[in-house]
Amino acid sequence: MIVFSSSARMLHMNGPARKLIALFGEYHGLASEPIPPILTEFCHDVLAQLQPRVETQSWEEFEMRRTCHMVTPPLLLRGFGVMNSTNQEFRVILTLAPLRASPPESPDQPPDGDTQTNS
């Protein structure tokens, strides 16, 4: 789990997220960069979707998903926003989870990519 401020500044990263992010350095030589660009881009995408909700104070459940195939195993990225009760700002929370190997996609299945859910 990685927590970002409403200005996309990283506030916290837990140990499991650090281990998964280390995979990017192993495969892409990003050891000097603390957060891979795909994660910061995803955070900005979540922020862009959250901003209208903040302005209208619409706090129904919101989640975005993205599959990252830049590492092995691929990662499922999930992003959502939560309100900070102390100062009325919101935080973006990203979770990373390794995906298990799955059978090849059939032509009927939609391709992997971004999905957005509202519950």
C-alpha atoms as a PDB file:
ATOM      1  CA  MET A   1       0.000   0.000   0.000  1.00  0.00           C
ATOM      2  CA  ILE A   2       1.195   3.487  -0.863  1.00  0.00           C
ATOM      3  CA  VAL A   3      -0.529   6.610   0.439  1.00  0.00           C
ATOM      4  CA  PHE A   4      -0.319   9.893  -1.478  1.00  0.00           C
ATOM      5  CA  SER A   5      -1.472  13.382  -0.535  1.00  0.00           C
ATOM      6  CA  SER A   6      -3.953  15.277  -2.704  1.00  0.00           C
ATOM      7  CA  SER A   7      -0.909  16.916  -4.347  1.00  0.00           C
ATOM      8  CA  ALA A   8       0.521  13.457  -5.278  1.00  0.00           C
ATOM      9  CA  ARG A   9       3.280  13.559  -2.669  1.00  0.00           C
ATOM     10  CA  MET A  10       4.045  10.123  -1.234  1.00  0.00           C
ATOM     11  CA  LEU A  11       3.216  10.018   2.473  1.00  0.00           C
ATOM     12  CA  HIS A  12       3.668   6.337   3.300  1.00  0.00           C
ATOM     13  CA  MET A  13       4.731   3.043   1.744  1.00  0.00           C
ATOM     14  CA  ASN A  14       4.474  -0.268   3.569  1.00  0.00           C
ATOM     15  CA  GLY A  15       6.958  -3.145   3.403  1.00  0.00           C
ATOM     16  CA  PRO A  16       5.062  -5.356   0.944  1.00  0.00           C
ATOM     17  CA  ALA A  17       4.765  -2.431  -1.499  1.00  0.00           C
ATOM     18  CA  ARG A  18       8.517  -1.778  -1.176  1.00  0.00           C
ATOM     19  CA  LYS A  19       9.227  -5.405  -2.068  1.00  0.00           C
ATOM     20  CA  LEU A  20       6.992  -5.270  -5.137  1.00  0.00           C
ATOM     21  CA  ILE A  21       8.455  -1.945  -6.242  1.00  0.00           C
ATOM     22  CA  ALA A  22      11.925  -3.498  -5.997  1.00  0.00           C
ATOM     23  CA  LEU A  23      10.881  -5.711  -8.929  1.00  0.00           C
ATOM     24  CA  PHE A  24      10.906  -2.622 -11.166  1.00  0.00           C
ATOM     25  CA  GLY A  25      14.548  -1.985 -10.329  1.00  0.00           C
ATOM     26  CA  GLU A  26      15.482  -5.582 -11.027  1.00  0.00           C
ATOM     27  CA  TYR A  27      13.863  -5.547 -14.465  1.00  0.00           C
ATOM     28  CA  HIS A  28      14.272  -1.946 -15.552  1.00  0.00           C
ATOM     29  CA  GLY A  29      17.262  -0.494 -13.702  1.00  0.00           C
ATOM     30  CA  LEU A  30      15.161   1.966 -11.688  1.00  0.00           C
ATOM     31  CA  ALA A  31      17.000   1.440  -8.421  1.00  0.00           C
ATOM     32  CA  SER A  32      17.696   5.156  -7.962  1.00  0.00           C
ATOM     33  CA  GLU A  33      14.054   6.128  -8.521  1.00  0.00           C
ATOM     34  CA  PRO A  34      11.897   5.551  -5.417  1.00  0.00           C
ATOM     35  CA  ILE A  35       8.572   5.154  -7.222  1.00  0.00           C
ATOM     36  CA  PRO A  36       8.289   3.832 -10.782  1.00  0.00           C
ATOM     37  CA  PRO A  37       6.693   6.314 -13.191  1.00  0.00           C
ATOM     38  CA  ILE A  38       3.753   3.988 -13.890  1.00  0.00           C
ATOM     39  CA  LEU A  39       2.707   4.318 -10.228  1.00  0.00           C
ATOM     40  CA  THR A  40       2.945   8.107 -10.140  1.00  0.00           C
ATOM     41  CA  GLU A  41       1.026   8.286 -13.434  1.00  0.00           C
ATOM     42  CA  PHE A  42      -1.663   6.037 -11.973  1.00  0.00           C
ATOM     43  CA  CYS A  43      -1.836   8.241  -8.873  1.00  0.00           C
ATOM     44  CA  HIS A  44      -2.363  11.300 -11.105  1.00  0.00           C
ATOM     45  CA  ASP A  45      -5.094   9.446 -13.026  1.00  0.00           C
ATOM     46  CA  VAL A  46      -6.872   8.611  -9.767  1.00  0.00           C
ATOM     47  CA  LEU A  47      -6.528  12.242  -8.648  1.00  0.00           C
ATOM     48  CA  ALA A  48      -8.049  13.436 -11.928  1.00  0.00           C
ATOM     49  CA  GLN A  49     -11.069  11.172 -11.408  1.00  0.00           C
ATOM     50  CA  LEU A  50     -11.411  12.158  -7.749  1.00  0.00           C
ATOM     51  CA  GLN A  51     -11.239  15.928  -8.207  1.00  0.00           C
ATOM     52  CA  PRO A  52     -14.815  16.353  -9.537  1.00  0.00           C
ATOM     53  CA  ARG A  53     -16.077  14.154  -6.696  1.00  0.00           C
ATOM     54  CA  VAL A  54     -14.307  16.329  -4.143  1.00  0.00           C
ATOM     55  CA  GLU A  55     -15.725  19.501  -5.663  1.00  0.00           C
ATOM     56  CA  THR A  56     -19.277  18.118  -5.504  1.00  0.00           C
ATOM     57  CA  GLN A  57     -18.666  16.316  -2.191  1.00  0.00           C
ATOM     58  CA  SER A  58     -19.748  13.058  -3.827  1.00  0.00           C
ATOM     59  CA  TRP A  59     -18.090  10.423  -1.651  1.00  0.00           C
ATOM     60  CA  GLU A  60     -19.642   7.261  -3.016  1.00  0.00           C
ATOM     61  CA  GLU A  61     -17.225   4.369  -3.275  1.00  0.00           C
ATOM     62  CA  PHE A  62     -14.719   4.829  -6.085  1.00  0.00           C
ATOM     63  CA  GLU A  63     -11.928   2.597  -7.319  1.00  0.00           C
ATOM     64  CA  MET A  64      -9.698   2.435 -10.372  1.00  0.00           C
ATOM     65  CA  ARG A  65      -7.717  -0.604 -11.473  1.00  0.00           C
ATOM     66  CA  ARG A  66      -4.818  -1.073 -13.815  1.00  0.00           C
ATOM     67  CA  THR A  67      -2.751  -4.111 -14.698  1.00  0.00           C
ATOM     68  CA  CYS A  68       0.990  -3.541 -14.905  1.00  0.00           C
ATOM     69  CA  HIS A  69       2.847  -5.985 -17.142  1.00  0.00           C
ATOM     70  CA  MET A  70       6.247  -4.286 -16.742  1.00  0.00           C
ATOM     71  CA  VAL A  71       7.372  -6.852 -14.139  1.00  0.00           C
ATOM     72  CA  THR A  72       6.983 -10.570 -13.536  1.00  0.00           C
ATOM     73  CA  PRO A  73       4.571 -11.460 -12.106  1.00  0.00           C
ATOM     74  CA  PRO A  74       2.261  -8.733 -13.422  1.00  0.00           C
ATOM     75  CA  LEU A  75       0.772  -6.459 -10.765  1.00  0.00           C
ATOM     76  CA  LEU A  76      -2.796  -5.406 -10.176  1.00  0.00           C
ATOM     77  CA  LEU A  77      -2.826  -1.741  -9.190  1.00  0.00           C
ATOM     78  CA  ARG A  78      -5.877  -0.456  -7.346  1.00  0.00           C
ATOM     79  CA  GLY A  79      -6.405   3.192  -6.491  1.00  0.00           C
ATOM     80  CA  PHE A  80      -9.030   4.948  -4.436  1.00  0.00           C
ATOM     81  CA  GLY A  81      -9.510   8.113  -2.402  1.00  0.00           C
ATOM     82  CA  VAL A  82     -10.321   8.599   1.266  1.00  0.00           C
ATOM     83  CA  MET A  83     -11.114  11.726   3.227  1.00  0.00           C
ATOM     84  CA  ASN A  84      -8.699  12.865   5.926  1.00  0.00           C
ATOM     85  CA  SER A  85     -11.007  13.730   8.813  1.00  0.00           C
ATOM     86  CA  THR A  86      -8.573  16.131  10.484  1.00  0.00           C
ATOM     87  CA  ASN A  87      -8.137  18.725   7.748  1.00  0.00           C
ATOM     88  CA  GLN A  88     -10.770  17.892   5.105  1.00  0.00           C
ATOM     89  CA  GLU A  89      -8.222  16.850   2.481  1.00  0.00           C
ATOM     90  CA  PHE A  90      -8.279  13.562   0.682  1.00  0.00           C
ATOM     91  CA  ARG A  91      -5.621  10.913   0.282  1.00  0.00           C
ATOM     92  CA  VAL A  92      -5.024   8.545  -2.604  1.00  0.00           C
ATOM     93  CA  ILE A  93      -4.328   4.964  -1.635  1.00  0.00           C
ATOM     94  CA  LEU A  94      -2.704   2.624  -4.137  1.00  0.00           C
ATOM     95  CA  THR A  95      -2.486  -1.077  -3.508  1.00  0.00           C
ATOM     96  CA  LEU A  96      -0.259  -3.461  -5.444  1.00  0.00           C
ATOM     97  CA  ALA A  97      -0.914  -7.181  -5.720  1.00  0.00           C
ATOM     98  CA  PRO A  98       0.912  -9.761  -7.815  1.00  0.00           C
ATOM     99  CA  LEU A  99      -1.328 -11.526 -10.300  1.00  0.00           C
ATOM    100  CA  ARG A 100      -1.251 -15.266 -10.678  1.00  0.00           C
ATOM    101  CA  ALA A 101      -0.564 -16.810 -14.034  1.00  0.00           C
ATOM    102  CA  SER A 102      -3.751 -17.190 -16.013  1.00  0.00           C
ATOM    103  CA  PRO A 103      -4.568 -18.986 -19.244  1.00  0.00           C
ATOM    104  CA  PRO A 104      -4.162 -16.978 -22.441  1.00  0.00           C
ATOM    105  CA  GLU A 105      -7.012 -14.595 -23.197  1.00  0.00           C
ATOM    106  CA  SER A 106      -9.689 -15.766 -25.575  1.00  0.00           C
ATOM    107  CA  PRO A 107     -10.681 -13.446 -28.430  1.00  0.00           C
ATOM    108  CA  ASP A 108     -13.992 -12.787 -26.600  1.00  0.00           C
ATOM    109  CA  GLN A 109     -12.315 -11.293 -23.499  1.00  0.00           C
ATOM    110  CA  PRO A 110     -11.610  -7.559 -23.280  1.00  0.00           C
ATOM    111  CA  PRO A 111      -7.913  -6.650 -23.079  1.00  0.00           C
ATOM    112  CA  ASP A 112      -6.268  -5.783 -19.759  1.00  0.00           C
ATOM    113  CA  GLY A 113      -6.068  -2.118 -18.928  1.00  0.00           C
ATOM    114  CA  ASP A 114      -7.836   0.512 -16.895  1.00  0.00           C
ATOM    115  CA  THR A 115     -11.151  -0.163 -15.285  1.00  0.00           C
ATOM    116  CA  GLN A 116     -13.188   2.055 -13.056  1.00  0.00           C
ATOM    117  CA  THR A 117     -15.842   0.903 -10.662  1.00  0.00           C
ATOM    118  CA  ASN A 118     -18.465   2.747  -8.697  1.00  0.00           C
ATOM    119  CA  SER A 119     -20.318   0.798  -6.041  1.00  0.00           C
END
